[in-house]
């Protein structure tokens, strides 16, 4: 069975660079900083942004498809 490797986020690299001990305490010991509610708000905002980005990419694909259909309709009209 393949070994499960933990995911390290880019923000964690910055945190580690700033203070390796704080990074370790949070990751290994579950320590929370002074503002865990702000962290939770940031995670929600990033999730919302990701959903918005996926939706905009889907809408762009639909728009390109409709433009191609319109161009074909003009060519064959």
N, C-alpha and C. Protein backbone atom coordinates (compact mmCIF):
# COMPACT_ATOMS: atom_id res chain seq x y z
N UNK A 1 0.84 -1.17 0.00
CA UNK A 1 0.00 0.00 0.00
C UNK A 1 0.89 1.24 0.00
N UNK A 2 0.60 2.24 -0.88
CA UNK A 2 1.47 3.42 -0.95
C UNK A 2 1.40 4.24 0.33
N UNK A 3 2.53 4.82 0.67
CA UNK A 3 2.62 5.64 1.87
C UNK A 3 1.92 6.97 1.63
N UNK A 4 1.10 7.40 2.59
CA UNK A 4 0.39 8.68 2.49
C UNK A 4 1.34 9.80 2.90
N UNK A 5 1.59 10.72 1.98
CA UNK A 5 2.47 11.85 2.28
C UNK A 5 1.62 13.07 2.59
N UNK A 6 1.94 13.78 3.65
CA UNK A 6 1.14 14.97 4.00
C UNK A 6 1.34 16.08 2.97
N UNK A 7 0.30 16.86 2.79
CA UNK A 7 0.36 18.00 1.88
C UNK A 7 0.84 19.22 2.66
N UNK A 8 1.81 19.90 2.11
CA UNK A 8 2.30 21.13 2.73
C UNK A 8 1.92 22.28 1.79
N UNK A 9 1.12 23.20 2.30
CA UNK A 9 0.64 24.33 1.51
C UNK A 9 1.71 25.42 1.42
N UNK A 10 1.57 26.26 0.39
CA UNK A 10 2.52 27.35 0.20
C UNK A 10 2.52 28.28 1.41
N UNK A 11 1.35 28.51 2.00
CA UNK A 11 1.30 29.38 3.17
C UNK A 11 2.10 28.79 4.33
N UNK A 12 2.15 27.45 4.40
CA UNK A 12 2.93 26.82 5.45
C UNK A 12 4.43 27.05 5.24
N UNK A 13 4.86 27.11 3.99
CA UNK A 13 6.27 27.38 3.73
C UNK A 13 6.65 28.76 4.25
N UNK A 14 5.75 29.73 4.00
CA UNK A 14 5.99 31.08 4.52
C UNK A 14 6.01 31.10 6.03
N UNK A 15 5.08 30.35 6.64
CA UNK A 15 5.03 30.27 8.09
C UNK A 15 6.30 29.62 8.63
N UNK A 16 6.75 28.57 7.98
CA UNK A 16 7.97 27.88 8.41
C UNK A 16 9.18 28.81 8.30
N UNK A 17 9.23 29.55 7.19
CA UNK A 17 10.35 30.47 6.98
C UNK A 17 10.36 31.55 8.06
N UNK A 18 9.18 32.01 8.44
CA UNK A 18 9.08 33.05 9.47
C UNK A 18 9.43 32.50 10.84
N UNK A 19 8.85 31.32 11.19
CA UNK A 19 9.12 30.74 12.51
C UNK A 19 8.87 29.23 12.44
N UNK A 20 9.95 28.48 12.30
CA UNK A 20 9.84 27.03 12.17
C UNK A 20 9.19 26.39 13.39
N UNK A 21 9.43 26.95 14.56
CA UNK A 21 8.84 26.39 15.79
C UNK A 21 7.33 26.55 15.79
N UNK A 22 6.83 27.72 15.40
CA UNK A 22 5.39 27.95 15.34
C UNK A 22 4.75 27.00 14.32
N UNK A 23 5.42 26.81 13.19
CA UNK A 23 4.90 25.89 12.18
C UNK A 23 4.80 24.48 12.75
N UNK A 24 5.86 24.05 13.42
CA UNK A 24 5.86 22.71 14.00
C UNK A 24 4.77 22.56 15.07
N UNK A 25 4.64 23.55 15.94
CA UNK A 25 3.63 23.50 17.00
C UNK A 25 2.22 23.38 16.40
N UNK A 26 1.96 24.13 15.35
CA UNK A 26 0.64 24.09 14.74
C UNK A 26 0.41 22.77 14.03
N UNK A 27 1.39 22.32 13.28
CA UNK A 27 1.22 21.12 12.45
C UNK A 27 1.23 19.84 13.28
N UNK A 28 2.14 19.73 14.21
CA UNK A 28 2.31 18.49 14.96
C UNK A 28 1.53 18.45 16.28
N UNK A 29 1.32 19.61 16.88
CA UNK A 29 0.68 19.63 18.20
C UNK A 29 -0.74 20.20 18.17
N UNK A 30 -1.18 20.68 17.01
CA UNK A 30 -2.52 21.22 16.91
C UNK A 30 -2.70 22.60 17.53
N UNK A 31 -1.62 23.28 17.82
CA UNK A 31 -1.68 24.61 18.41
C UNK A 31 -2.32 25.58 17.44
N UNK A 32 -3.20 26.43 17.94
CA UNK A 32 -3.82 27.47 17.13
C UNK A 32 -3.24 28.82 17.51
N UNK A 33 -3.15 29.68 16.54
CA UNK A 33 -2.64 31.02 16.80
C UNK A 33 -3.64 31.85 17.59
N UNK A 34 -3.37 33.12 17.69
CA UNK A 34 -4.24 34.00 18.47
C UNK A 34 -5.55 34.32 17.75
N UNK A 35 -5.61 34.10 16.43
CA UNK A 35 -6.77 34.48 15.65
C UNK A 35 -7.28 33.33 14.77
N UNK A 36 -7.70 32.22 15.39
CA UNK A 36 -8.16 31.08 14.57
C UNK A 36 -9.41 31.41 13.75
N UNK A 37 -10.22 32.36 14.22
CA UNK A 37 -11.42 32.73 13.46
C UNK A 37 -11.05 33.42 12.15
N UNK A 38 -9.97 34.18 12.15
CA UNK A 38 -9.51 34.81 10.91
C UNK A 38 -8.99 33.77 9.93
N UNK A 39 -8.32 32.75 10.45
CA UNK A 39 -7.85 31.66 9.61
C UNK A 39 -9.03 30.94 8.96
N UNK A 40 -10.06 30.67 9.76
CA UNK A 40 -11.26 30.00 9.23
C UNK A 40 -11.93 30.86 8.17
N UNK A 41 -11.99 32.17 8.40
CA UNK A 41 -12.59 33.07 7.41
C UNK A 41 -11.77 33.06 6.11
N UNK A 42 -10.47 33.00 6.23
CA UNK A 42 -9.61 32.96 5.05
C UNK A 42 -9.80 31.67 4.27
N UNK A 43 -9.95 30.56 4.98
CA UNK A 43 -10.17 29.28 4.29
C UNK A 43 -11.50 29.29 3.54
N UNK A 44 -12.54 29.85 4.15
CA UNK A 44 -13.84 29.96 3.49
C UNK A 44 -13.73 30.85 2.26
N UNK A 45 -13.02 31.96 2.39
CA UNK A 45 -12.86 32.87 1.25
C UNK A 45 -12.12 32.19 0.11
N UNK A 46 -11.09 31.41 0.41
CA UNK A 46 -10.35 30.71 -0.63
C UNK A 46 -11.22 29.64 -1.30
N UNK A 47 -12.04 28.95 -0.53
CA UNK A 47 -12.94 27.95 -1.12
C UNK A 47 -13.94 28.63 -2.04
N UNK A 48 -14.50 29.75 -1.61
CA UNK A 48 -15.45 30.50 -2.43
C UNK A 48 -14.77 30.97 -3.73
N UNK A 49 -13.55 31.48 -3.59
CA UNK A 49 -12.81 31.94 -4.76
C UNK A 49 -12.58 30.79 -5.74
N UNK A 50 -12.23 29.61 -5.22
CA UNK A 50 -12.02 28.44 -6.08
C UNK A 50 -13.28 28.05 -6.83
N UNK A 51 -14.42 28.07 -6.14
CA UNK A 51 -15.69 27.76 -6.81
C UNK A 51 -16.00 28.80 -7.88
N UNK A 52 -15.78 30.08 -7.56
CA UNK A 52 -16.03 31.15 -8.54
C UNK A 52 -15.13 30.99 -9.75
N UNK A 53 -13.89 30.61 -9.53
CA UNK A 53 -12.95 30.41 -10.63
C UNK A 53 -13.39 29.25 -11.53
N UNK A 54 -13.82 28.14 -10.92
CA UNK A 54 -14.30 27.01 -11.71
C UNK A 54 -15.52 27.41 -12.53
N UNK A 55 -16.43 28.16 -11.91
CA UNK A 55 -17.64 28.58 -12.63
C UNK A 55 -17.28 29.50 -13.79
N UNK A 56 -16.35 30.43 -13.58
CA UNK A 56 -15.97 31.34 -14.66
C UNK A 56 -15.30 30.59 -15.80
N UNK A 57 -14.51 29.57 -15.49
CA UNK A 57 -13.88 28.77 -16.54
C UNK A 57 -14.93 27.99 -17.32
N UNK A 58 -15.93 27.47 -16.62
CA UNK A 58 -17.01 26.74 -17.30
C UNK A 58 -17.80 27.70 -18.19
N UNK A 59 -18.12 28.89 -17.68
CA UNK A 59 -18.87 29.87 -18.48
C UNK A 59 -18.06 30.32 -19.70
N UNK A 60 -16.76 30.44 -19.55
CA UNK A 60 -15.91 30.80 -20.69
C UNK A 60 -15.97 29.73 -21.76
N UNK A 61 -15.92 28.46 -21.35
CA UNK A 61 -16.01 27.35 -22.31
C UNK A 61 -17.35 27.37 -23.03
N UNK A 62 -18.42 27.61 -22.29
CA UNK A 62 -19.75 27.68 -22.90
C UNK A 62 -19.81 28.85 -23.88
N UNK A 63 -19.27 30.00 -23.51
CA UNK A 63 -19.28 31.17 -24.38
C UNK A 63 -18.51 30.91 -25.67
N UNK A 64 -17.37 30.27 -25.58
CA UNK A 64 -16.59 29.95 -26.78
C UNK A 64 -17.38 28.99 -27.66
N UNK A 65 -18.02 28.00 -27.07
CA UNK A 65 -18.84 27.06 -27.84
C UNK A 65 -19.98 27.77 -28.55
N UNK A 66 -20.64 28.69 -27.87
CA UNK A 66 -21.74 29.44 -28.49
C UNK A 66 -21.24 30.34 -29.63
N UNK A 67 -20.06 30.93 -29.44
CA UNK A 67 -19.47 31.75 -30.52
C UNK A 67 -19.16 30.89 -31.74
N UNK A 68 -18.65 29.69 -31.51
CA UNK A 68 -18.36 28.79 -32.63
C UNK A 68 -19.64 28.39 -33.34
N UNK A 69 -20.69 28.11 -32.59
CA UNK A 69 -21.98 27.77 -33.20
C UNK A 69 -22.53 28.94 -34.00
N UNK A 70 -22.40 30.16 -33.47
CA UNK A 70 -22.86 31.34 -34.19
C UNK A 70 -22.07 31.52 -35.48
N UNK A 71 -20.76 31.32 -35.43
CA UNK A 71 -19.93 31.45 -36.62
C UNK A 71 -20.32 30.40 -37.66
N UNK A 72 -20.58 29.19 -37.24
CA UNK A 72 -21.01 28.14 -38.18
C UNK A 72 -22.37 28.48 -38.76
N UNK A 73 -23.26 29.03 -37.97
CA UNK A 73 -24.58 29.42 -38.47
C UNK A 73 -24.45 30.49 -39.52
N UNK A 74 -23.53 31.44 -39.35
CA UNK A 74 -23.32 32.50 -40.34
C UNK A 74 -22.71 31.95 -41.63
N UNK A 75 -21.80 31.01 -41.48
CA UNK A 75 -21.14 30.43 -42.66
C UNK A 75 -22.14 29.64 -43.51
N UNK A 76 -23.01 28.89 -42.87
CA UNK A 76 -23.94 28.03 -43.60
C UNK A 76 -25.28 28.68 -43.87
N UNK A 77 -25.45 29.94 -43.49
CA UNK A 77 -26.72 30.63 -43.73
C UNK A 77 -26.77 31.26 -45.10
